[in-house]
Amino acid sequence: EAMNHGSLSICAGLLVRETGRYLFEARVAD
């Protein structure tokens, strides 16, 4: 996680086997 220009970025690590365009979605709770 890191703060960038007043927003919080949360990155999830992946092991990719198939090259391509990926779409992800998630929810955030306070």
PDB file of all heavy atoms in Angstrom:
ATOM      1  N   GLU A   1       0.851  -1.197   0.000  1.00  0.00           N
ATOM      2  CA  GLU A   1       0.000   0.000   0.000  1.00  0.00           C
ATOM      3  C   GLU A   1       0.882   1.240   0.000  1.00  0.00           C
ATOM      4  O   GLU A   1       2.014   1.219   0.506  1.00  0.00           O
ATOM      5  CB  GLU A   1      -0.926   0.019   1.214  1.00  0.00           C
ATOM      6  CG  GLU A   1      -0.208   0.041   2.554  1.00  0.00           C
ATOM      7  CD  GLU A   1      -1.167   0.004   3.733  1.00  0.00           C
ATOM      8  OE1 GLU A   1      -1.651   1.077   4.127  1.00  0.00           O
ATOM      9  OE2 GLU A   1      -1.428  -1.109   4.261  1.00  0.00           O
ATOM     10  N   ALA A   2       0.355   2.317  -0.579  1.00  0.00           N
ATOM     11  CA  ALA A   2       1.121   3.559  -0.639  1.00  0.00           C
ATOM     12  C   ALA A   2       0.179   4.719  -0.885  1.00  0.00           C
ATOM     13  O   ALA A   2      -0.831   4.580  -1.604  1.00  0.00           O
ATOM     14  CB  ALA A   2       2.178   3.490  -1.739  1.00  0.00           C
ATOM     15  N   MET A   3       0.488   5.877  -0.281  1.00  0.00           N
ATOM     16  CA  MET A   3      -0.265   7.099  -0.543  1.00  0.00           C
ATOM     17  C   MET A   3       0.352   7.801  -1.745  1.00  0.00           C
ATOM     18  O   MET A   3       1.574   8.006  -1.812  1.00  0.00           O
ATOM     19  CB  MET A   3      -0.209   8.023   0.666  1.00  0.00           C
ATOM     20  CG  MET A   3      -0.994   7.536   1.866  1.00  0.00           C
ATOM     21  SD  MET A   3      -2.809   7.484   1.618  1.00  0.00           S
ATOM     22  CE  MET A   3      -3.164   9.196   1.271  1.00  0.00           C
ATOM     23  N   ASN A   4      -0.487   8.147  -2.718  1.00  0.00           N
ATOM     24  CA  ASN A   4      -0.028   8.845  -3.917  1.00  0.00           C
ATOM     25  C   ASN A   4      -0.975   9.997  -4.211  1.00  0.00           C
ATOM     26  O   ASN A   4      -2.153   9.780  -4.522  1.00  0.00           O
ATOM     27  CB  ASN A   4       0.030   7.896  -5.120  1.00  0.00           C
ATOM     28  CG  ASN A   4       1.063   6.809  -4.965  1.00  0.00           C
ATOM     29  OD1 ASN A   4       2.225   7.102  -4.708  1.00  0.00           O
ATOM     30  ND2 ASN A   4       0.648   5.551  -5.102  1.00  0.00           N
ATOM     31  N   HIS A   5      -0.454  11.230  -4.073  1.00  0.00           N
ATOM     32  CA  HIS A   5      -1.229  12.425  -4.393  1.00  0.00           C
ATOM     33  C   HIS A   5      -2.573  12.458  -3.664  1.00  0.00           C
ATOM     34  O   HIS A   5      -3.607  12.797  -4.241  1.00  0.00           O
ATOM     35  CB  HIS A   5      -1.454  12.533  -5.900  1.00  0.00           C
ATOM     36  CG  HIS A   5      -0.197  12.468  -6.711  1.00  0.00           C
ATOM     37  ND1 HIS A   5       0.751  13.482  -6.702  1.00  0.00           N
ATOM     38  CD2 HIS A   5       0.301  11.504  -7.532  1.00  0.00           C
ATOM     39  CE1 HIS A   5       1.758  13.150  -7.491  1.00  0.00           C
ATOM     40  NE2 HIS A   5       1.510  11.953  -8.003  1.00  0.00           N
ATOM     41  N   GLY A   6      -2.569  12.084  -2.403  1.00  0.00           N
ATOM     42  CA  GLY A   6      -3.768  12.176  -1.581  1.00  0.00           C
ATOM     43  C   GLY A   6      -4.750  11.041  -1.738  1.00  0.00           C
ATOM     44  O   GLY A   6      -5.876  11.111  -1.231  1.00  0.00           O
ATOM     45  N   SER A   7      -4.373   9.960  -2.436  1.00  0.00           N
ATOM     46  CA  SER A   7      -5.208   8.764  -2.579  1.00  0.00           C
ATOM     47  C   SER A   7      -4.387   7.548  -2.149  1.00  0.00           C
ATOM     48  O   SER A   7      -3.157   7.568  -2.215  1.00  0.00           O
ATOM     49  CB  SER A   7      -5.691   8.594  -4.024  1.00  0.00           C
ATOM     50  OG  SER A   7      -6.534   9.666  -4.404  1.00  0.00           O
ATOM     51  N   LEU A   8      -5.082   6.497  -1.712  1.00  0.00           N
ATOM     52  CA  LEU A   8      -4.415   5.301  -1.225  1.00  0.00           C
ATOM     53  C   LEU A   8      -4.472   4.201  -2.279  1.00  0.00           C
ATOM     54  O   LEU A   8      -5.543   3.835  -2.751  1.00  0.00           O
ATOM     55  CB  LEU A   8      -5.085   4.811   0.063  1.00  0.00           C
ATOM     56  CG  LEU A   8      -4.491   3.545   0.699  1.00  0.00           C
ATOM     57  CD1 LEU A   8      -3.038   3.762   1.076  1.00  0.00           C
ATOM     58  CD2 LEU A   8      -5.322   3.129   1.922  1.00  0.00           C
ATOM     59  N   SER A   9      -3.299   3.694  -2.628  1.00  0.00           N
ATOM     60  CA  SER A   9      -3.202   2.603  -3.596  1.00  0.00           C
ATOM     61  C   SER A   9      -2.924   1.302  -2.857  1.00  0.00           C
ATOM     62  O   SER A   9      -2.004   1.223  -2.046  1.00  0.00           O
ATOM     63  CB  SER A   9      -2.083   2.892  -4.603  1.00  0.00           C
ATOM     64  OG  SER A   9      -1.936   1.816  -5.499  1.00  0.00           O
ATOM     65  N   ILE A  10      -3.725   0.263  -3.144  1.00  0.00           N
ATOM     66  CA  ILE A  10      -3.559  -1.061  -2.546  1.00  0.00           C
ATOM     67  C   ILE A  10      -3.320  -2.044  -3.687  1.00  0.00           C
ATOM     68  O   ILE A  10      -4.173  -2.210  -4.566  1.00  0.00           O
ATOM     69  CB  ILE A  10      -4.799  -1.484  -1.740  1.00  0.00           C
ATOM     70  CG1 ILE A  10      -5.159  -0.420  -0.696  1.00  0.00           C
ATOM     71  CG2 ILE A  10      -4.573  -2.831  -1.070  1.00  0.00           C
ATOM     72  CD1 ILE A  10      -6.480  -0.690   0.007  1.00  0.00           C
ATOM     73  N   CYS A  11      -2.157  -2.698  -3.676  1.00  0.00           N
ATOM     74  CA  CYS A  11      -1.780  -3.593  -4.771  1.00  0.00           C
ATOM     75  C   CYS A  11      -1.737  -5.043  -4.296  1.00  0.00           C
ATOM     76  O   CYS A  11      -1.141  -5.343  -3.252  1.00  0.00           O
ATOM     77  CB  CYS A  11      -0.428  -3.203  -5.340  1.00  0.00           C
ATOM     78  SG  CYS A  11      -0.408  -1.558  -6.118  1.00  0.00           S
ATOM     79  N   ALA A  12      -2.363  -5.928  -5.069  1.00  0.00           N
ATOM     80  CA  ALA A  12      -2.374  -7.364  -4.778  1.00  0.00           C
ATOM     81  C   ALA A  12      -1.427  -8.063  -5.737  1.00  0.00           C
ATOM     82  O   ALA A  12      -1.538  -7.903  -6.970  1.00  0.00           O
ATOM     83  CB  ALA A  12      -3.786  -7.924  -4.921  1.00  0.00           C
ATOM     84  N   GLY A  13      -0.482  -8.847  -5.196  1.00  0.00           N
ATOM     85  CA  GLY A  13       0.475  -9.553  -6.023  1.00  0.00           C
ATOM     86  C   GLY A  13      -0.145 -10.696  -6.796  1.00  0.00           C
ATOM     87  O   GLY A  13      -1.071 -11.361  -6.324  1.00  0.00           O
ATOM     88  N   LEU A  14       0.372 -10.951  -7.999  1.00  0.00           N
ATOM     89  CA  LEU A  14      -0.147 -11.999  -8.870  1.00  0.00           C
ATOM     90  C   LEU A  14       0.997 -12.796  -9.490  1.00  0.00           C
ATOM     91  O   LEU A  14       2.090 -12.265  -9.712  1.00  0.00           O
ATOM     92  CB  LEU A  14      -0.971 -11.387 -10.012  1.00  0.00           C
ATOM     93  CG  LEU A  14      -2.324 -10.768  -9.672  1.00  0.00           C
ATOM     94  CD1 LEU A  14      -2.746  -9.822 -10.790  1.00  0.00           C
ATOM     95  CD2 LEU A  14      -3.378 -11.857  -9.489  1.00  0.00           C
ATOM     96  N   LEU A  15       0.712 -14.037  -9.775  1.00  0.00           N
ATOM     97  CA  LEU A  15       1.572 -14.847 -10.619  1.00  0.00           C
ATOM     98  C   LEU A  15       0.787 -15.090 -11.904  1.00  0.00           C
ATOM     99  O   LEU A  15      -0.224 -15.800 -11.910  1.00  0.00           O
ATOM    100  CB  LEU A  15       1.917 -16.173  -9.946  1.00  0.00           C
ATOM    101  CG  LEU A  15       2.787 -17.123 -10.775  1.00  0.00           C
ATOM    102  CD1 LEU A  15       4.110 -16.472 -11.159  1.00  0.00           C
ATOM    103  CD2 LEU A  15       3.030 -18.433 -10.040  1.00  0.00           C
ATOM    104  N   VAL A  16       1.247 -14.473 -12.999  1.00  0.00           N
ATOM    105  CA  VAL A  16       0.503 -14.468 -14.256  1.00  0.00           C
ATOM    106  C   VAL A  16       1.027 -15.565 -15.174  1.00  0.00           C
ATOM    107  O   VAL A  16       2.229 -15.674 -15.423  1.00  0.00           O
ATOM    108  CB  VAL A  16       0.623 -13.090 -14.949  1.00  0.00           C
ATOM    109  CG1 VAL A  16      -0.176 -13.073 -16.247  1.00  0.00           C
ATOM    110  CG2 VAL A  16       0.148 -11.986 -14.007  1.00  0.00           C
ATOM    111  N   ARG A  17       0.122 -16.373 -15.677  1.00  0.00           N
ATOM    112  CA  ARG A  17       0.477 -17.433 -16.614  1.00  0.00           C
ATOM    113  C   ARG A  17       0.045 -17.102 -18.036  1.00  0.00           C
ATOM    114  O   ARG A  17       0.622 -17.610 -18.994  1.00  0.00           O
ATOM    115  CB  ARG A  17      -0.171 -18.754 -16.179  1.00  0.00           C
ATOM    116  CG  ARG A  17       0.256 -19.231 -14.802  1.00  0.00           C
ATOM    117  CD  ARG A  17      -0.397 -20.563 -14.454  1.00  0.00           C
ATOM    118  NE  ARG A  17      -0.002 -21.024 -13.124  1.00  0.00           N
ATOM    119  CZ  ARG A  17      -0.632 -20.699 -12.009  1.00  0.00           C
ATOM    120  NH1 ARG A  17      -1.715 -19.919 -12.078  1.00  0.00           N
ATOM    121  NH2 ARG A  17      -0.208 -21.143 -10.845  1.00  0.00           N
ATOM    122  N   GLU A  18      -0.995 -16.279 -18.156  1.00  0.00           N
ATOM    123  CA  GLU A  18      -1.570 -15.977 -19.468  1.00  0.00           C
ATOM    124  C   GLU A  18      -1.513 -14.474 -19.710  1.00  0.00           C
ATOM    125  O   GLU A  18      -2.137 -13.686 -18.991  1.00  0.00           O
ATOM    126  CB  GLU A  18      -3.025 -16.474 -19.518  1.00  0.00           C
ATOM    127  CG  GLU A  18      -3.696 -16.348 -20.873  1.00  0.00           C
ATOM    128  CD  GLU A  18      -5.075 -16.984 -20.879  1.00  0.00           C
ATOM    129  OE1 GLU A  18      -5.343 -17.838 -20.001  1.00  0.00           O
ATOM    130  OE2 GLU A  18      -5.883 -16.629 -21.760  1.00  0.00           O
ATOM    131  N   THR A  19      -0.750 -14.063 -20.702  1.00  0.00           N
ATOM    132  CA  THR A  19      -0.622 -12.642 -21.036  1.00  0.00           C
ATOM    133  C   THR A  19      -1.949 -12.104 -21.574  1.00  0.00           C
ATOM    134  O   THR A  19      -2.624 -12.776 -22.370  1.00  0.00           O
ATOM    135  CB  THR A  19       0.481 -12.437 -22.087  1.00  0.00           C
ATOM    136  OG1 THR A  19       1.731 -12.857 -21.542  1.00  0.00           O
ATOM    137  CG2 THR A  19       0.587 -10.980 -22.502  1.00  0.00           C
ATOM    138  N   GLY A  20      -2.321 -10.906 -21.147  1.00  0.00           N
ATOM    139  CA  GLY A  20      -3.550 -10.314 -21.660  1.00  0.00           C
ATOM    140  C   GLY A  20      -4.039  -9.150 -20.819  1.00  0.00           C
ATOM    141  O   GLY A  20      -3.364  -8.690 -19.890  1.00  0.00           O
ATOM    142  N   ARG A  21      -5.229  -8.693 -21.166  1.00  0.00           N
ATOM    143  CA  ARG A  21      -5.875  -7.589 -20.450  1.00  0.00           C
ATOM    144  C   ARG A  21      -6.716  -8.172 -19.320  1.00  0.00           C
ATOM    145  O   ARG A  21      -7.651  -8.941 -19.571  1.00  0.00           O
ATOM    146  CB  ARG A  21      -6.752  -6.775 -21.398  1.00  0.00           C
ATOM    147  CG  ARG A  21      -7.486  -5.625 -20.718  1.00  0.00           C
ATOM    148  CD  ARG A  21      -8.468  -4.970 -21.667  1.00  0.00           C
ATOM    149  NE  ARG A  21      -9.254  -3.945 -20.997  1.00  0.00           N
ATOM    150  CZ  ARG A  21     -10.310  -3.343 -21.535  1.00  0.00           C
ATOM    151  NH1 ARG A  21     -10.705  -3.675 -22.766  1.00  0.00           N
ATOM    152  NH2 ARG A  21     -10.968  -2.429 -20.866  1.00  0.00           N
ATOM    153  N   TYR A  22      -6.403  -7.769 -18.091  1.00  0.00           N
ATOM    154  CA  TYR A  22      -7.089  -8.281 -16.913  1.00  0.00           C
ATOM    155  C   TYR A  22      -7.994  -7.209 -16.310  1.00  0.00           C
ATOM    156  O   TYR A  22      -7.627  -6.020 -16.252  1.00  0.00           O
ATOM    157  CB  TYR A  22      -6.078  -8.733 -15.858  1.00  0.00           C
ATOM    158  CG  TYR A  22      -5.436 -10.068 -16.150  1.00  0.00           C
ATOM    159  CD1 TYR A  22      -4.432 -10.174 -17.108  1.00  0.00           C
ATOM    160  CD2 TYR A  22      -5.833 -11.222 -15.480  1.00  0.00           C
ATOM    161  CE1 TYR A  22      -3.832 -11.400 -17.385  1.00  0.00           C
ATOM    162  CE2 TYR A  22      -5.238 -12.451 -15.744  1.00  0.00           C
ATOM    163  CZ  TYR A  22      -4.246 -12.534 -16.705  1.00  0.00           C
ATOM    164  OH  TYR A  22      -3.666 -13.746 -16.967  1.00  0.00           O
ATOM    165  N   LEU A  23      -9.148  -7.645 -15.857  1.00  0.00           N
ATOM    166  CA  LEU A  23     -10.095  -6.775 -15.173  1.00  0.00           C
ATOM    167  C   LEU A  23     -10.329  -7.331 -13.774  1.00  0.00           C
ATOM    168  O   LEU A  23     -10.643  -8.509 -13.614  1.00  0.00           O
ATOM    169  CB  LEU A  23     -11.416  -6.706 -15.940  1.00  0.00           C
ATOM    170  CG  LEU A  23     -11.320  -6.303 -17.419  1.00  0.00           C
ATOM    171  CD1 LEU A  23     -12.699  -6.330 -18.066  1.00  0.00           C
ATOM    172  CD2 LEU A  23     -10.699  -4.925 -17.563  1.00  0.00           C
ATOM    173  N   PHE A  24     -10.159  -6.472 -12.775  1.00  0.00           N
ATOM    174  CA  PHE A  24     -10.338  -6.871 -11.387  1.00  0.00           C
ATOM    175  C   PHE A  24     -11.336  -5.924 -10.717  1.00  0.00           C
ATOM    176  O   PHE A  24     -11.491  -4.767 -11.124  1.00  0.00           O
ATOM    177  CB  PHE A  24      -9.007  -6.812 -10.622  1.00  0.00           C
ATOM    178  CG  PHE A  24      -7.964  -7.753 -11.129  1.00  0.00           C
ATOM    179  CD1 PHE A  24      -7.033  -7.326 -12.069  1.00  0.00           C
ATOM    180  CD2 PHE A  24      -7.904  -9.061 -10.679  1.00  0.00           C
ATOM    181  CE1 PHE A  24      -6.055  -8.191 -12.554  1.00  0.00           C
ATOM    182  CE2 PHE A  24      -6.944  -9.939 -11.152  1.00  0.00           C
ATOM    183  CZ  PHE A  24      -6.014  -9.501 -12.099  1.00  0.00           C
ATOM    184  N   GLU A  25     -11.996  -6.426  -9.672  1.00  0.00           N
ATOM    185  CA  GLU A  25     -12.870  -5.583  -8.865  1.00  0.00           C
ATOM    186  C   GLU A  25     -12.810  -6.032  -7.414  1.00  0.00           C
ATOM    187  O   GLU A  25     -12.527  -7.197  -7.115  1.00  0.00           O
ATOM    188  CB  GLU A  25     -14.311  -5.608  -9.373  1.00  0.00           C
ATOM    189  CG  GLU A  25     -14.995  -6.950  -9.317  1.00  0.00           C
ATOM    190  CD  GLU A  25     -16.409  -6.910  -9.881  1.00  0.00           C
ATOM    191  OE1 GLU A  25     -16.636  -6.272 -10.922  1.00  0.00           O
ATOM    192  OE2 GLU A  25     -17.294  -7.537  -9.249  1.00  0.00           O
ATOM    193  N   ALA A  26     -13.052  -5.083  -6.520  1.00  0.00           N
ATOM    194  CA  ALA A  26     -13.017  -5.375  -5.089  1.00  0.00           C
ATOM    195  C   ALA A  26     -13.886  -4.364  -4.365  1.00  0.00           C
ATOM    196  O   ALA A  26     -14.361  -3.373  -4.956  1.00  0.00           O
ATOM    197  CB  ALA A  26     -11.585  -5.321  -4.562  1.00  0.00           C
ATOM    198  N   ARG A  27     -14.106  -4.616  -3.094  1.00  0.00           N
ATOM    199  CA  ARG A  27     -14.894  -3.718  -2.246  1.00  0.00           C
ATOM    200  C   ARG A  27     -13.994  -3.236  -1.115  1.00  0.00           C
ATOM    201  O   ARG A  27     -13.049  -3.924  -0.732  1.00  0.00           O
ATOM    202  CB  ARG A  27     -16.115  -4.435  -1.668  1.00  0.00           C
ATOM    203  CG  ARG A  27     -17.094  -4.873  -2.750  1.00  0.00           C
ATOM    204  CD  ARG A  27     -16.774  -6.231  -3.294  1.00  0.00           C
ATOM    205  NE  ARG A  27     -17.539  -6.490  -4.521  1.00  0.00           N
ATOM    206  CZ  ARG A  27     -17.082  -7.195  -5.545  1.00  0.00           C
ATOM    207  NH1 ARG A  27     -15.874  -7.733  -5.516  1.00  0.00           N
ATOM    208  NH2 ARG A  27     -17.819  -7.383  -6.611  1.00  0.00           N
ATOM    209  N   VAL A  28     -14.309  -2.067  -0.566  1.00  0.00           N
ATOM    210  CA  VAL A  28     -13.515  -1.524   0.538  1.00  0.00           C
ATOM    211  C   VAL A  28     -14.455  -1.130   1.666  1.00  0.00           C
ATOM    212  O   VAL A  28     -15.472  -0.448   1.444  1.00  0.00           O
ATOM    213  CB  VAL A  28     -12.683  -0.302   0.100  1.00  0.00           C
ATOM    214  CG1 VAL A  28     -11.827   0.199   1.274  1.00  0.00           C
ATOM    215  CG2 VAL A  28     -11.794  -0.651  -1.087  1.00  0.00           C
ATOM    216  N   ALA A  29     -14.133  -1.579   2.886  1.00  0.00           N
ATOM    217  CA  ALA A  29     -14.902  -1.232   4.084  1.00  0.00           C
ATOM    218  C   ALA A  29     -14.070  -0.324   4.969  1.00  0.00           C
ATOM    219  O   ALA A  29     -12.836  -0.372   4.973  1.00  0.00           O
ATOM    220  CB  ALA A  29     -15.299  -2.491   4.848  1.00  0.00           C
ATOM    221  N   ASP A  30     -14.765   0.532   5.755  1.00  0.00           N
ATOM    222  CA  ASP A  30     -14.067   1.425   6.669  1.00  0.00           C
ATOM    223  C   ASP A  30     -13.861   0.744   8.016  1.00  0.00           C
ATOM    224  O   ASP A  30     -14.149  -0.449   8.187  1.00  0.00           O
ATOM    225  CB  ASP A  30     -14.821   2.753   6.814  1.00  0.00           C
ATOM    226  CG  ASP A  30     -16.221   2.581   7.390  1.00  0.00           C
ATOM    227  OD1 ASP A  30     -16.533   1.480   7.919  1.00  0.00           O
ATOM    228  OD2 ASP A  30     -17.015   3.536   7.322  1.00  0.00           O
TER     229      ASP A  30
END
